[in-house]
């Protein structure tokens, strides 16, 4: 009985995919988001990210490392197949100076090293803005 309740709670939590090739960064962010009540999937490659995107019809958020190979394809697939909010994370060589990220579907881009309170606030603001538009 308890496992049925836990399963329903987990299904009702917003689903997040973190696509980042760096294991420690991805795992740390996943841990913090899970602690805050999100259902988190980690992807270290294009194949894993697309698999998670296709599997999770209720995807609420994709956090994509813009230094990851194939990030453009991951973001394009998420934007084309879901209603997920997409947040980019970039490092010392800002990709946002090269590409128009909004045109690609990325609503916000955070600089590494990231501060989790910035991530939490960004998610809250972006979800609030989205729900006020809907």
Protein backbone atom coordinates (compact mmCIF):
# COMPACT_ATOMS: atom_id res chain seq x y z
CA UNK A 1 0.00 0.00 0.00
CA UNK A 2 2.74 2.47 0.92
CA UNK A 3 4.58 1.79 -2.33
CA UNK A 4 1.41 2.67 -4.31
CA UNK A 5 1.19 6.01 -2.50
CA UNK A 6 4.88 6.70 -3.03
CA UNK A 7 4.52 5.87 -6.73
CA UNK A 8 1.60 8.32 -7.11
CA UNK A 9 3.55 11.06 -5.33
CA UNK A 10 6.58 10.48 -7.53
CA UNK A 11 4.45 10.59 -10.68
CA UNK A 12 2.84 13.85 -9.59
CA UNK A 13 6.21 15.56 -8.94
CA UNK A 14 7.46 17.75 -11.79
CA UNK A 15 9.82 15.78 -14.03
CA UNK A 16 13.26 17.19 -14.78
CA UNK A 17 15.98 15.92 -17.10
CA UNK A 18 19.55 17.07 -16.56
CA UNK A 19 21.68 16.62 -19.68
CA UNK A 20 25.30 17.13 -18.71
CA UNK A 21 28.39 15.15 -19.59
CA UNK A 22 30.05 15.84 -16.23
CA UNK A 23 28.95 13.17 -13.76
CA UNK A 24 29.62 15.05 -10.53
CA UNK A 25 27.91 18.27 -11.64
CA UNK A 26 24.92 16.33 -12.97
CA UNK A 27 24.61 14.14 -9.87
CA UNK A 28 24.90 17.08 -7.46
CA UNK A 29 22.21 19.07 -9.28
CA UNK A 30 20.00 15.97 -9.50
CA UNK A 31 20.35 15.38 -5.76
CA UNK A 32 19.35 18.94 -4.90
CA UNK A 33 16.39 18.95 -7.28
CA UNK A 34 15.23 15.58 -5.91
CA UNK A 35 15.48 16.97 -2.39
CA UNK A 36 13.24 19.85 -3.50
CA UNK A 37 10.61 17.39 -4.70
CA UNK A 38 11.35 16.99 -8.39
CA UNK A 39 11.50 13.64 -10.17
CA UNK A 40 14.92 13.79 -11.84
CA UNK A 41 16.48 11.82 -14.68
CA UNK A 42 20.14 12.19 -15.60
CA UNK A 43 21.51 12.03 -19.14
CA UNK A 44 25.19 11.93 -20.04
CA UNK A 45 24.71 11.67 -23.80
CA UNK A 46 22.40 12.56 -26.66
CA UNK A 47 21.00 9.03 -26.73
CA UNK A 48 20.21 9.02 -23.00
CA UNK A 49 18.66 12.51 -23.13
CA UNK A 50 16.38 11.67 -26.06
CA UNK A 51 15.38 8.40 -24.41
CA UNK A 52 14.37 10.24 -21.23
CA UNK A 53 12.55 12.94 -23.21
CA UNK A 54 10.58 10.32 -25.13
CA UNK A 55 9.80 8.30 -21.99
CA UNK A 56 8.53 11.23 -19.90
CA UNK A 57 5.40 12.64 -21.48
CA UNK A 58 4.99 14.93 -18.46
CA UNK A 59 8.45 16.50 -18.77
CA UNK A 60 8.39 19.89 -17.06
CA UNK A 61 12.03 20.97 -17.33
CA UNK A 62 15.17 20.20 -19.29
CA UNK A 63 18.45 21.55 -17.96
CA UNK A 64 21.02 21.27 -20.75
CA UNK A 65 24.75 21.81 -20.53
CA UNK A 66 25.55 23.90 -23.58
CA UNK A 67 29.08 22.52 -23.67
CA UNK A 68 27.77 18.99 -24.11
CA UNK A 69 28.14 17.49 -27.57
CA UNK A 70 24.81 17.45 -29.41
CA UNK A 71 23.17 19.95 -27.03
CA UNK A 72 21.47 21.59 -30.02
CA UNK A 73 19.83 18.31 -31.03
CA UNK A 74 18.77 17.55 -27.45
CA UNK A 75 17.16 20.98 -27.05
CA UNK A 76 15.54 20.81 -30.49
CA UNK A 77 14.03 17.40 -29.70
CA UNK A 78 12.70 18.57 -26.32
CA UNK A 79 11.18 21.73 -27.81
CA UNK A 80 9.62 19.84 -30.71
CA UNK A 81 8.12 16.97 -28.69
CA UNK A 82 7.28 18.47 -25.27
CA UNK A 83 6.04 21.58 -23.54
CA UNK A 84 9.06 21.51 -21.21
CA UNK A 85 10.81 24.60 -20.03
CA UNK A 86 14.44 24.55 -21.23
CA UNK A 87 17.25 26.09 -19.19
CA UNK A 88 20.80 26.15 -20.51
CA UNK A 89 23.96 26.09 -18.45
CA UNK A 90 27.16 27.44 -19.98
CA UNK A 91 30.76 27.71 -18.89
CA UNK A 92 33.66 30.00 -19.48
CA UNK A 93 33.14 30.20 -23.24
CA UNK A 94 29.62 31.65 -23.40
CA UNK A 95 27.59 30.00 -26.10
CA UNK A 96 24.88 32.61 -25.59
CA UNK A 97 27.15 35.12 -27.33
CA UNK A 98 27.22 32.94 -30.45
CA UNK A 99 23.61 31.73 -30.67
CA UNK A 100 20.22 33.27 -30.11
CA UNK A 101 19.21 30.79 -27.41
CA UNK A 102 15.59 32.01 -27.16
CA UNK A 103 15.16 31.26 -30.84
CA UNK A 104 16.27 27.70 -30.08
CA UNK A 105 13.74 27.39 -27.22
CA UNK A 106 16.07 28.02 -24.29
CA UNK A 107 14.26 30.35 -21.89
CA UNK A 108 17.17 31.08 -19.61
CA UNK A 109 20.90 30.48 -19.51
CA UNK A 110 22.90 30.27 -16.28
CA UNK A 111 26.67 30.62 -15.98
CA UNK A 112 28.88 27.93 -14.43
CA UNK A 113 29.77 27.44 -11.72
CA UNK A 114 26.12 27.50 -10.83
CA UNK A 115 24.69 28.36 -7.46
CA UNK A 116 21.73 26.15 -6.59
CA UNK A 117 19.70 29.02 -5.18
CA UNK A 118 19.99 30.67 -8.62
CA UNK A 119 18.70 27.47 -10.23
CA UNK A 120 15.83 27.21 -7.75
CA UNK A 121 14.84 30.86 -8.24
CA UNK A 122 15.12 30.59 -12.03
CA UNK A 123 12.83 27.57 -12.09
CA UNK A 124 10.32 29.27 -9.83
CA UNK A 125 10.30 32.48 -11.91
CA UNK A 126 10.11 30.65 -15.23
CA UNK A 127 7.26 28.38 -14.09
CA UNK A 128 5.40 31.36 -12.64
CA UNK A 129 5.79 33.31 -15.90
CA UNK A 130 4.63 30.30 -17.90
CA UNK A 131 1.54 29.72 -15.75
CA UNK A 132 0.55 33.41 -15.88
CA UNK A 133 0.66 33.29 -19.69
CA UNK A 134 -1.45 30.11 -19.89
